[in-house]
Amino acid sequence: MVRRRLTNEEEALWDALTRSVRPLRPGQPRRAAVSATPMPLPPARTGLTPQARPAPPPKPAPTPAAMLDSSWERRIRSGNLAPEMSIDLHGHSLAAAHNRLNQALAQALAQDARTLLVVTGKPPKNSATMGSARRGAIRGEIGHWLETSPYADRIASVRVAHPRHGGDGAIYLILRRKK
């Protein structure tokens, strides 16, 4: 490690700091001036104060799974999944759709629903036919909304709906059970 000299400003700050500190043992003299080269830290003393342990990193929030167990997969593929709640977002502005999605998630979780059908509208076939209106905007934003939702940790999986429930124009939200 390359050592450098303290600037005049740093020396003044250090001096002010050392004048404001009370010694742990009042009988021992304070260190007076700052030396030109920083002093190495004294070795850690045991028994004086317990060393604070760093807080463990927070558990990452569970993310939606790409695949569920075989019974869920079979029900989704066959179209036998019966959503307990549904919400239709297409035709709403982005802000209104985002708000309605959060309300629907809160309601579904309050009612202990496991599946929520979210109708977003079909994505545009290609960008040339979009014209001046932005088609598929809700569909384009819903992934981000779900990731940043206050209920993101309660979503077990996000799946494209069966054609019976809207196909590409809808998604299933499979919600986790209460903890």
N, C-alpha and C. Protein backbone atom coordinates (compact mmCIF):
# COMPACT_ATOMS: atom_id res chain seq x y z
N MET A 1 0.84 -1.15 0.00
CA MET A 1 0.00 0.00 0.00
C MET A 1 0.90 1.23 0.00
N VAL A 2 0.63 2.14 -0.90
CA VAL A 2 1.40 3.36 -0.98
C VAL A 2 0.84 4.35 0.03
N ARG A 3 1.73 4.93 0.84
CA ARG A 3 1.30 5.91 1.83
C ARG A 3 1.46 7.30 1.27
N ARG A 4 0.55 8.16 1.65
CA ARG A 4 0.63 9.54 1.18
C ARG A 4 0.57 10.46 2.38
N ARG A 5 0.99 11.67 2.16
CA ARG A 5 0.93 12.67 3.22
C ARG A 5 -0.49 13.23 3.30
N LEU A 6 -0.91 13.60 4.49
CA LEU A 6 -2.21 14.23 4.67
C LEU A 6 -2.15 15.67 4.18
N THR A 7 -3.21 16.12 3.59
CA THR A 7 -3.28 17.52 3.18
C THR A 7 -3.51 18.38 4.42
N ASN A 8 -3.31 19.67 4.29
CA ASN A 8 -3.53 20.58 5.43
C ASN A 8 -4.97 20.47 5.93
N GLU A 9 -5.90 20.35 5.01
CA GLU A 9 -7.31 20.23 5.40
C GLU A 9 -7.56 18.94 6.17
N GLU A 10 -6.98 17.83 5.69
CA GLU A 10 -7.13 16.55 6.37
C GLU A 10 -6.50 16.59 7.76
N GLU A 11 -5.33 17.24 7.89
CA GLU A 11 -4.68 17.36 9.19
C GLU A 11 -5.55 18.15 10.16
N ALA A 12 -6.16 19.23 9.67
CA ALA A 12 -7.02 20.05 10.53
C ALA A 12 -8.24 19.24 10.98
N LEU A 13 -8.83 18.49 10.05
CA LEU A 13 -9.97 17.65 10.41
C LEU A 13 -9.58 16.60 11.44
N TRP A 14 -8.43 15.97 11.23
CA TRP A 14 -7.97 14.93 12.15
C TRP A 14 -7.72 15.53 13.54
N ASP A 15 -7.10 16.69 13.57
CA ASP A 15 -6.81 17.35 14.83
C ASP A 15 -8.12 17.67 15.57
N ALA A 16 -9.11 18.19 14.84
CA ALA A 16 -10.40 18.51 15.46
C ALA A 16 -11.07 17.24 15.97
N LEU A 17 -10.97 16.18 15.24
CA LEU A 17 -11.57 14.91 15.66
C LEU A 17 -10.89 14.39 16.92
N THR A 18 -9.58 14.40 16.95
CA THR A 18 -8.88 13.85 18.12
C THR A 18 -9.15 14.67 19.37
N ARG A 19 -9.41 15.99 19.22
CA ARG A 19 -9.74 16.81 20.38
C ARG A 19 -11.14 16.50 20.91
N SER A 20 -12.02 15.95 20.05
CA SER A 20 -13.39 15.70 20.47
C SER A 20 -13.61 14.30 21.04
N VAL A 21 -12.59 13.47 20.97
CA VAL A 21 -12.74 12.08 21.42
C VAL A 21 -12.35 11.95 22.89
N ARG A 22 -13.15 11.21 23.66
CA ARG A 22 -12.82 10.92 25.05
C ARG A 22 -12.07 9.60 25.09
N PRO A 23 -11.01 9.51 25.86
CA PRO A 23 -10.26 8.25 25.93
C PRO A 23 -11.06 7.18 26.66
N LEU A 24 -10.85 5.92 26.25
CA LEU A 24 -11.50 4.81 26.93
C LEU A 24 -10.98 4.68 28.36
N ARG A 25 -9.69 4.89 28.51
CA ARG A 25 -9.07 4.84 29.83
C ARG A 25 -8.58 6.25 30.16
N PRO A 26 -9.29 6.93 31.05
CA PRO A 26 -8.97 8.34 31.31
C PRO A 26 -7.54 8.58 31.79
N GLY A 27 -6.88 7.63 32.39
CA GLY A 27 -5.54 7.83 32.92
C GLY A 27 -4.47 7.90 31.84
N GLN A 28 -4.75 7.41 30.63
CA GLN A 28 -3.73 7.37 29.60
C GLN A 28 -3.72 8.69 28.82
N PRO A 29 -2.54 9.16 28.45
CA PRO A 29 -2.46 10.41 27.70
C PRO A 29 -2.98 10.25 26.28
N ARG A 30 -3.51 11.36 25.75
CA ARG A 30 -3.96 11.36 24.35
C ARG A 30 -2.77 11.52 23.45
N ARG A 31 -2.93 11.04 22.24
CA ARG A 31 -1.91 11.29 21.23
C ARG A 31 -2.03 12.73 20.81
N ALA A 32 -0.95 13.37 20.65
CA ALA A 32 -0.99 14.80 20.34
C ALA A 32 -1.17 15.04 18.86
N ALA A 33 -0.15 15.21 18.15
CA ALA A 33 -0.23 15.64 16.75
C ALA A 33 -0.29 14.44 15.83
N VAL A 34 -0.66 14.73 14.62
CA VAL A 34 -0.71 13.71 13.59
C VAL A 34 0.66 13.62 12.96
N SER A 35 1.13 12.41 12.83
CA SER A 35 2.43 12.25 12.16
C SER A 35 2.23 12.36 10.66
N ALA A 36 3.32 12.60 9.98
CA ALA A 36 3.25 12.77 8.53
C ALA A 36 2.82 11.49 7.86
N THR A 37 3.20 10.36 8.41
CA THR A 37 2.78 9.08 7.83
C THR A 37 1.77 8.45 8.78
N PRO A 38 0.71 7.90 8.24
CA PRO A 38 -0.30 7.30 9.10
C PRO A 38 0.27 6.14 9.90
N MET A 39 -0.16 6.05 11.14
CA MET A 39 0.29 4.97 12.02
C MET A 39 -0.53 3.73 11.70
N PRO A 40 0.08 2.54 11.77
CA PRO A 40 -0.72 1.33 11.57
C PRO A 40 -1.69 1.17 12.73
N LEU A 41 -2.80 0.54 12.44
CA LEU A 41 -3.80 0.30 13.48
C LEU A 41 -3.25 -0.66 14.51
N PRO A 42 -3.57 -0.47 15.80
CA PRO A 42 -3.11 -1.42 16.80
C PRO A 42 -3.82 -2.76 16.61
N PRO A 43 -3.16 -3.84 17.08
CA PRO A 43 -3.81 -5.14 16.93
C PRO A 43 -5.09 -5.18 17.76
N ALA A 44 -6.04 -5.97 17.28
CA ALA A 44 -7.34 -6.07 17.97
C ALA A 44 -7.13 -6.67 19.34
N ARG A 45 -7.75 -6.05 20.34
CA ARG A 45 -7.67 -6.57 21.71
C ARG A 45 -8.90 -7.41 21.99
N THR A 46 -8.68 -8.52 22.59
CA THR A 46 -9.82 -9.39 22.91
C THR A 46 -10.31 -9.08 24.31
N GLY A 47 -11.58 -9.19 24.49
CA GLY A 47 -12.16 -9.02 25.80
C GLY A 47 -12.58 -7.60 26.13
N LEU A 48 -12.17 -6.61 25.34
CA LEU A 48 -12.57 -5.24 25.64
C LEU A 48 -13.99 -4.97 25.19
N THR A 49 -14.21 -5.11 23.92
CA THR A 49 -15.56 -4.92 23.38
C THR A 49 -15.81 -6.02 22.38
N PRO A 50 -17.02 -6.54 22.36
CA PRO A 50 -17.29 -7.61 21.39
C PRO A 50 -17.29 -7.02 19.98
N GLN A 51 -16.71 -7.77 19.09
CA GLN A 51 -16.69 -7.36 17.69
C GLN A 51 -18.08 -7.54 17.11
N ALA A 52 -18.58 -6.52 16.46
CA ALA A 52 -19.89 -6.62 15.85
C ALA A 52 -19.79 -7.49 14.61
N ARG A 53 -20.65 -8.45 14.53
CA ARG A 53 -20.67 -9.31 13.34
C ARG A 53 -21.45 -8.60 12.25
N PRO A 54 -20.98 -8.72 11.03
CA PRO A 54 -21.75 -8.10 9.95
C PRO A 54 -23.10 -8.80 9.82
N ALA A 55 -24.10 -8.02 9.53
CA ALA A 55 -25.44 -8.59 9.37
C ALA A 55 -25.45 -9.53 8.18
N PRO A 56 -26.12 -10.67 8.31
CA PRO A 56 -26.18 -11.58 7.16
C PRO A 56 -26.93 -10.91 6.02
N PRO A 57 -26.53 -11.21 4.80
CA PRO A 57 -27.23 -10.59 3.68
C PRO A 57 -28.69 -11.03 3.67
N PRO A 58 -29.59 -10.13 3.27
CA PRO A 58 -31.01 -10.49 3.27
C PRO A 58 -31.26 -11.62 2.27
N LYS A 59 -32.24 -12.45 2.61
CA LYS A 59 -32.59 -13.54 1.70
C LYS A 59 -33.16 -12.94 0.43
N PRO A 60 -32.70 -13.44 -0.71
CA PRO A 60 -33.28 -12.91 -1.95
C PRO A 60 -34.75 -13.32 -2.05
N ALA A 61 -35.53 -12.43 -2.61
CA ALA A 61 -36.95 -12.73 -2.78
C ALA A 61 -37.09 -13.87 -3.78
N PRO A 62 -38.00 -14.80 -3.53
CA PRO A 62 -38.19 -15.88 -4.49
C PRO A 62 -38.66 -15.32 -5.83
N THR A 63 -38.11 -15.85 -6.89
CA THR A 63 -38.49 -15.39 -8.23
C THR A 63 -39.45 -16.38 -8.85
N PRO A 64 -40.27 -15.92 -9.79
CA PRO A 64 -41.21 -16.84 -10.44
C PRO A 64 -40.46 -17.98 -11.14
N ALA A 65 -41.01 -19.16 -11.01
CA ALA A 65 -40.39 -20.34 -11.62
C ALA A 65 -40.82 -20.48 -13.08
N ALA A 66 -39.90 -20.98 -13.89
CA ALA A 66 -40.23 -21.21 -15.29
C ALA A 66 -41.13 -22.45 -15.43
N MET A 67 -40.92 -23.44 -14.58
CA MET A 67 -41.70 -24.67 -14.61
C MET A 67 -42.27 -24.94 -13.22
N LEU A 68 -43.44 -25.50 -13.20
CA LEU A 68 -44.07 -25.89 -11.94
C LEU A 68 -44.06 -27.42 -11.87
N ASP A 69 -44.67 -27.97 -10.84
CA ASP A 69 -44.71 -29.42 -10.77
C ASP A 69 -45.60 -29.98 -11.88
N SER A 70 -45.54 -31.29 -12.09
CA SER A 70 -46.19 -31.91 -13.25
C SER A 70 -47.70 -31.72 -13.27
N SER A 71 -48.35 -31.70 -12.11
CA SER A 71 -49.81 -31.54 -12.13
C SER A 71 -50.19 -30.13 -12.60
N TRP A 72 -49.44 -29.11 -12.16
CA TRP A 72 -49.70 -27.75 -12.66
C TRP A 72 -49.44 -27.69 -14.15
N GLU A 73 -48.34 -28.25 -14.60
CA GLU A 73 -47.98 -28.20 -16.02
C GLU A 73 -49.05 -28.88 -16.88
N ARG A 74 -49.53 -30.02 -16.42
CA ARG A 74 -50.57 -30.75 -17.15
C ARG A 74 -51.85 -29.92 -17.25
N ARG A 75 -52.24 -29.29 -16.15
CA ARG A 75 -53.47 -28.48 -16.14
C ARG A 75 -53.33 -27.26 -17.05
N ILE A 76 -52.17 -26.63 -17.07
CA ILE A 76 -51.96 -25.46 -17.93
C ILE A 76 -52.00 -25.87 -19.39
N ARG A 77 -51.26 -26.92 -19.74
CA ARG A 77 -51.19 -27.38 -21.14
C ARG A 77 -52.54 -27.82 -21.68
N SER A 78 -53.32 -28.50 -20.85
CA SER A 78 -54.60 -29.03 -21.32
C SER A 78 -55.72 -28.00 -21.29
N GLY A 79 -55.49 -26.87 -20.63
CA GLY A 79 -56.53 -25.85 -20.53
C GLY A 79 -57.52 -26.14 -19.43
N ASN A 80 -57.19 -27.09 -18.55
CA ASN A 80 -58.08 -27.45 -17.44
C ASN A 80 -57.86 -26.59 -16.20
N LEU A 81 -56.99 -25.62 -16.31
CA LEU A 81 -56.76 -24.72 -15.19
C LEU A 81 -57.90 -23.72 -15.14
N ALA A 82 -58.56 -23.61 -14.01
CA ALA A 82 -59.68 -22.68 -13.86
C ALA A 82 -59.22 -21.54 -12.96
N PRO A 83 -58.91 -20.39 -13.55
CA PRO A 83 -58.46 -19.27 -12.71
C PRO A 83 -59.54 -18.85 -11.72
N GLU A 84 -59.14 -18.60 -10.50
CA GLU A 84 -60.09 -18.20 -9.47
C GLU A 84 -60.51 -16.74 -9.62
N MET A 85 -59.64 -15.94 -10.24
CA MET A 85 -59.95 -14.54 -10.49
C MET A 85 -59.39 -14.17 -11.86
N SER A 86 -59.96 -13.13 -12.44
CA SER A 86 -59.42 -12.62 -13.70
C SER A 86 -59.56 -11.11 -13.74
N ILE A 87 -58.70 -10.49 -14.53
CA ILE A 87 -58.74 -9.05 -14.71
C ILE A 87 -58.40 -8.76 -16.16
N ASP A 88 -59.14 -7.85 -16.75
CA ASP A 88 -58.93 -7.47 -18.15
C ASP A 88 -58.30 -6.08 -18.19
N LEU A 89 -57.06 -6.00 -18.65
CA LEU A 89 -56.34 -4.73 -18.67
C LEU A 89 -56.33 -4.06 -20.03
N HIS A 90 -56.63 -4.81 -21.09
CA HIS A 90 -56.47 -4.16 -22.40
C HIS A 90 -57.53 -3.08 -22.59
N GLY A 91 -57.09 -2.02 -23.24
CA GLY A 91 -57.95 -0.86 -23.42
C GLY A 91 -57.73 0.21 -22.36
N HIS A 92 -56.94 -0.08 -21.32
CA HIS A 92 -56.64 0.90 -20.28
C HIS A 92 -55.34 1.61 -20.60
N SER A 93 -55.15 2.79 -20.02
CA SER A 93 -53.86 3.47 -20.14
C SER A 93 -52.85 2.67 -19.31
N LEU A 94 -51.56 2.93 -19.54
CA LEU A 94 -50.53 2.20 -18.80
C LEU A 94 -50.67 2.43 -17.29
N ALA A 95 -50.88 3.67 -16.90
CA ALA A 95 -50.99 3.97 -15.46
C ALA A 95 -52.21 3.27 -14.85
N ALA A 96 -53.34 3.33 -15.55
CA ALA A 96 -54.55 2.70 -15.03
C ALA A 96 -54.39 1.18 -14.98
N ALA A 97 -53.77 0.60 -15.99
CA ALA A 97 -53.56 -0.84 -16.03
C ALA A 97 -52.64 -1.29 -14.89
N HIS A 98 -51.59 -0.51 -14.66
CA HIS A 98 -50.65 -0.84 -13.58
C HIS A 98 -51.36 -0.81 -12.23
N ASN A 99 -52.14 0.22 -12.01
CA ASN A 99 -52.90 0.36 -10.77
C ASN A 99 -53.89 -0.79 -10.59
N ARG A 100 -54.62 -1.11 -11.65
CA ARG A 100 -55.61 -2.21 -11.57
C ARG A 100 -54.92 -3.55 -11.31
N LEU A 101 -53.75 -3.76 -11.92
CA LEU A 101 -53.01 -5.01 -11.69
C LEU A 101 -52.63 -5.15 -10.22
N ASN A 102 -52.10 -4.09 -9.62
CA ASN A 102 -51.73 -4.15 -8.20
C ASN A 102 -52.95 -4.37 -7.31
N GLN A 103 -54.08 -3.74 -7.66
CA GLN A 103 -55.30 -3.95 -6.89
C GLN A 103 -55.77 -5.39 -7.00
N ALA A 104 -55.72 -5.94 -8.21
CA ALA A 104 -56.16 -7.32 -8.42
C ALA A 104 -55.26 -8.30 -7.67
N LEU A 105 -53.95 -8.05 -7.68
CA LEU A 105 -53.04 -8.92 -6.94
C LEU A 105 -53.34 -8.87 -5.44
N ALA A 106 -53.56 -7.67 -4.92
CA ALA A 106 -53.87 -7.53 -3.50
C ALA A 106 -55.16 -8.27 -3.16
N GLN A 107 -56.15 -8.14 -4.00
CA GLN A 107 -57.42 -8.81 -3.76
C GLN A 107 -57.27 -10.33 -3.85
N ALA A 108 -56.55 -10.80 -4.84
CA ALA A 108 -56.35 -12.25 -5.00
C ALA A 108 -55.62 -12.83 -3.79
N LEU A 109 -54.61 -12.11 -3.31
CA LEU A 109 -53.88 -12.60 -2.15
C LEU A 109 -54.73 -12.56 -0.89
N ALA A 110 -55.57 -11.53 -0.77
CA ALA A 110 -56.46 -11.43 0.39
C ALA A 110 -57.47 -12.57 0.40
N GLN A 111 -57.88 -13.03 -0.78
CA GLN A 111 -58.86 -14.11 -0.88
C GLN A 111 -58.20 -15.48 -0.99
N ASP A 112 -56.89 -15.55 -0.83
CA ASP A 112 -56.13 -16.81 -0.92
C ASP A 112 -56.30 -17.50 -2.27
N ALA A 113 -56.46 -16.73 -3.33
CA ALA A 113 -56.57 -17.31 -4.67
C ALA A 113 -55.19 -17.82 -5.09
N ARG A 114 -55.17 -18.88 -5.86
CA ARG A 114 -53.89 -19.43 -6.34
C ARG A 114 -53.61 -19.02 -7.78
N THR A 115 -54.66 -18.80 -8.59
CA THR A 115 -54.44 -18.45 -9.99
C THR A 115 -55.22 -17.19 -10.34
N LEU A 116 -54.54 -16.29 -11.04
CA LEU A 116 -55.14 -15.05 -11.49
C LEU A 116 -54.89 -14.97 -13.00
N LEU A 117 -55.96 -14.80 -13.76
CA LEU A 117 -55.85 -14.64 -15.20
C LEU A 117 -55.79 -13.15 -15.48
N VAL A 118 -54.74 -12.71 -16.16
CA VAL A 118 -54.57 -11.30 -16.50
C VAL A 118 -54.64 -11.18 -18.02
N VAL A 119 -55.67 -10.52 -18.52
CA VAL A 119 -55.84 -10.31 -19.96
C VAL A 119 -55.16 -9.00 -20.31
N THR A 120 -54.14 -9.09 -21.15
CA THR A 120 -53.36 -7.90 -21.51
C THR A 120 -53.66 -7.42 -22.92
N GLY A 121 -54.21 -8.27 -23.74
CA GLY A 121 -54.37 -7.98 -25.16
C GLY A 121 -53.23 -8.63 -25.92
N LYS A 122 -53.50 -8.99 -27.14
CA LYS A 122 -52.48 -9.68 -27.93
C LYS A 122 -51.38 -8.72 -28.34
N PRO A 123 -50.14 -9.22 -28.39
CA PRO A 123 -49.04 -8.36 -28.85
C PRO A 123 -49.20 -8.08 -30.34
N PRO A 124 -48.59 -7.01 -30.84
CA PRO A 124 -48.73 -6.70 -32.26
C PRO A 124 -48.10 -7.79 -33.12
N LYS A 125 -48.68 -8.02 -34.30
CA LYS A 125 -48.15 -9.05 -35.21
C LYS A 125 -46.77 -8.65 -35.71
N ASN A 126 -46.63 -7.38 -36.13
CA ASN A 126 -45.31 -6.87 -36.49
C ASN A 126 -45.33 -5.36 -36.33
N SER A 127 -44.17 -4.76 -36.26
CA SER A 127 -44.09 -3.34 -35.97
C SER A 127 -44.57 -2.47 -37.13
N ALA A 128 -44.63 -2.98 -38.35
CA ALA A 128 -45.05 -2.18 -39.50
C ALA A 128 -46.54 -1.86 -39.44
N THR A 129 -47.33 -2.73 -38.82
CA THR A 129 -48.78 -2.51 -38.76
C THR A 129 -49.21 -1.74 -37.53
N MET A 130 -48.24 -1.35 -36.71
CA MET A 130 -48.60 -0.67 -35.47
C MET A 130 -49.10 0.74 -35.73
N GLY A 131 -48.66 1.39 -36.76
CA GLY A 131 -49.10 2.75 -37.02
C GLY A 131 -48.64 3.68 -35.94
N SER A 132 -49.40 4.74 -35.70
CA SER A 132 -48.99 5.71 -34.69
C SER A 132 -49.37 5.26 -33.29
N ALA A 133 -50.40 4.45 -33.14
CA ALA A 133 -50.80 3.97 -31.82
C ALA A 133 -49.84 2.87 -31.38
N ARG A 134 -49.52 2.89 -30.10
CA ARG A 134 -48.58 1.90 -29.58
C ARG A 134 -49.36 0.69 -29.08
N ARG A 135 -49.42 -0.34 -29.91
CA ARG A 135 -50.15 -1.56 -29.54
C ARG A 135 -49.23 -2.47 -28.73
N GLY A 136 -49.80 -3.17 -27.80
CA GLY A 136 -49.03 -4.12 -27.00
C GLY A 136 -48.23 -3.47 -25.89
N ALA A 137 -48.54 -2.21 -25.54
CA ALA A 137 -47.77 -1.51 -24.52
C ALA A 137 -47.93 -2.16 -23.15
N ILE A 138 -49.15 -2.57 -22.81
CA ILE A 138 -49.39 -3.21 -21.52
C ILE A 138 -48.64 -4.53 -21.46
N ARG A 139 -48.73 -5.28 -22.54
CA ARG A 139 -48.04 -6.57 -22.61
C ARG A 139 -46.53 -6.37 -22.46
N GLY A 140 -46.02 -5.30 -23.04
CA GLY A 140 -44.59 -5.02 -22.94
C GLY A 140 -44.15 -4.61 -21.54
N GLU A 141 -45.03 -4.02 -20.76
CA GLU A 141 -44.68 -3.51 -19.43
C GLU A 141 -44.99 -4.48 -18.30
N ILE A 142 -45.86 -5.45 -18.53
CA ILE A 142 -46.37 -6.24 -17.41
C ILE A 142 -45.27 -7.03 -16.70
N GLY A 143 -44.27 -7.49 -17.43
CA GLY A 143 -43.17 -8.21 -16.78
C GLY A 143 -42.45 -7.34 -15.77
N HIS A 144 -42.17 -6.10 -16.15
CA HIS A 144 -41.51 -5.15 -15.25
C HIS A 144 -42.41 -4.84 -14.05
N TRP A 145 -43.70 -4.65 -14.31
CA TRP A 145 -44.63 -4.36 -13.23
C TRP A 145 -44.65 -5.48 -12.20
N LEU A 146 -44.64 -6.72 -12.69
CA LEU A 146 -44.68 -7.85 -11.76
C LEU A 146 -43.39 -7.98 -10.98
N GLU A 147 -42.24 -7.71 -11.62
CA GLU A 147 -40.95 -7.79 -10.93
C GLU A 147 -40.83 -6.76 -9.83
N THR A 148 -41.37 -5.57 -10.07
CA THR A 148 -41.24 -4.48 -9.10
C THR A 148 -42.45 -4.34 -8.19
N SER A 149 -43.40 -5.21 -8.33
CA SER A 149 -44.62 -5.15 -7.53
C SER A 149 -44.30 -5.42 -6.06
N PRO A 150 -45.07 -4.83 -5.15
CA PRO A 150 -44.88 -5.17 -3.73
C PRO A 150 -45.26 -6.63 -3.45
N TYR A 151 -45.90 -7.27 -4.40
CA TYR A 151 -46.32 -8.67 -4.24
C TYR A 151 -45.44 -9.63 -5.04
N ALA A 152 -44.30 -9.16 -5.53
CA ALA A 152 -43.44 -9.99 -6.38
C ALA A 152 -43.03 -11.29 -5.70
N ASP A 153 -42.79 -11.25 -4.40
CA ASP A 153 -42.36 -12.46 -3.71
C ASP A 153 -43.48 -13.48 -3.53
N ARG A 154 -44.71 -13.09 -3.82
CA ARG A 154 -45.85 -14.00 -3.69
C ARG A 154 -46.24 -14.64 -5.02
N ILE A 155 -45.54 -14.30 -6.12
CA ILE A 155 -45.83 -14.86 -7.43
C ILE A 155 -44.93 -16.06 -7.66
N ALA A 156 -45.54 -17.24 -7.80
CA ALA A 156 -44.77 -18.47 -7.99
C ALA A 156 -44.37 -18.64 -9.44
N SER A 157 -45.25 -18.27 -10.38
CA SER A 157 -44.94 -18.45 -11.80
C SER A 157 -45.83 -17.55 -12.63
N VAL A 158 -45.29 -17.15 -13.78
CA VAL A 158 -46.05 -16.37 -14.76
C VAL A 158 -46.02 -17.19 -16.05
N ARG A 159 -47.20 -17.53 -16.57
CA ARG A 159 -47.28 -18.41 -17.73
C ARG A 159 -48.22 -17.83 -18.76
N VAL A 160 -47.95 -18.09 -20.03
CA VAL A 160 -48.86 -17.69 -21.10
C VAL A 160 -50.12 -18.54 -20.96
N ALA A 161 -51.26 -17.89 -21.13
CA ALA A 161 -52.54 -18.57 -20.94
C ALA A 161 -52.82 -19.55 -22.07
N HIS A 162 -53.65 -20.53 -21.77
CA HIS A 162 -54.13 -21.49 -22.75
C HIS A 162 -55.03 -20.73 -23.74
N PRO A 163 -55.11 -21.16 -25.02
CA PRO A 163 -55.98 -20.48 -25.97
C PRO A 163 -57.42 -20.32 -25.47
N ARG A 164 -57.90 -21.24 -24.65
CA ARG A 164 -59.25 -21.15 -24.10
C ARG A 164 -59.41 -19.89 -23.24
N HIS A 165 -58.31 -19.43 -22.64
CA HIS A 165 -58.35 -18.25 -21.76
C HIS A 165 -57.71 -17.02 -22.38
N GLY A 166 -57.41 -17.05 -23.66
CA GLY A 166 -56.87 -15.86 -24.31
C GLY A 166 -55.53 -16.06 -24.97
N GLY A 167 -54.89 -17.19 -24.77
CA GLY A 167 -53.62 -17.49 -25.44
C GLY A 167 -52.58 -16.40 -25.22
N ASP A 168 -52.01 -15.90 -26.33
CA ASP A 168 -50.95 -14.89 -26.25
C ASP A 168 -51.44 -13.56 -25.68
N GLY A 169 -52.74 -13.37 -25.61
CA GLY A 169 -53.28 -12.12 -25.11
C GLY A 169 -53.55 -12.13 -23.62
N ALA A 170 -53.12 -13.19 -22.92
CA ALA A 170 -53.37 -13.28 -21.49
C ALA A 170 -52.26 -14.09 -20.82
N ILE A 171 -52.13 -13.91 -19.53
CA ILE A 171 -51.16 -14.69 -18.76
C ILE A 171 -51.84 -15.20 -17.49
N TYR A 172 -51.30 -16.32 -17.01
CA TYR A 172 -51.70 -16.84 -15.70
C TYR A 172 -50.65 -16.38 -14.70
N LEU A 173 -51.10 -15.89 -13.57
CA LEU A 173 -50.22 -15.65 -12.44
C LEU A 173 -50.53 -16.73 -11.42
N ILE A 174 -49.58 -17.59 -11.16
CA ILE A 174 -49.74 -18.63 -10.15
C ILE A 174 -49.16 -18.05 -8.86
N LEU A 175 -49.98 -17.95 -7.85
CA LEU A 175 -49.56 -17.32 -6.59
C LEU A 175 -49.15 -18.34 -5.57
N ARG A 176 -48.18 -17.98 -4.75
CA ARG A 176 -47.70 -18.85 -3.69
C ARG A 176 -48.74 -18.88 -2.56
N ARG A 177 -48.73 -20.00 -1.86
CA ARG A 177 -49.60 -20.12 -0.69
C ARG A 177 -49.09 -19.18 0.40
N LYS A 178 -49.98 -18.85 1.34
CA LYS A 178 -49.56 -18.01 2.48
C LYS A 178 -48.46 -18.72 3.23
N LYS A 179 -47.57 -17.93 3.79
CA LYS A 179 -46.43 -18.51 4.52
C LYS A 179 -46.82 -18.88 5.91
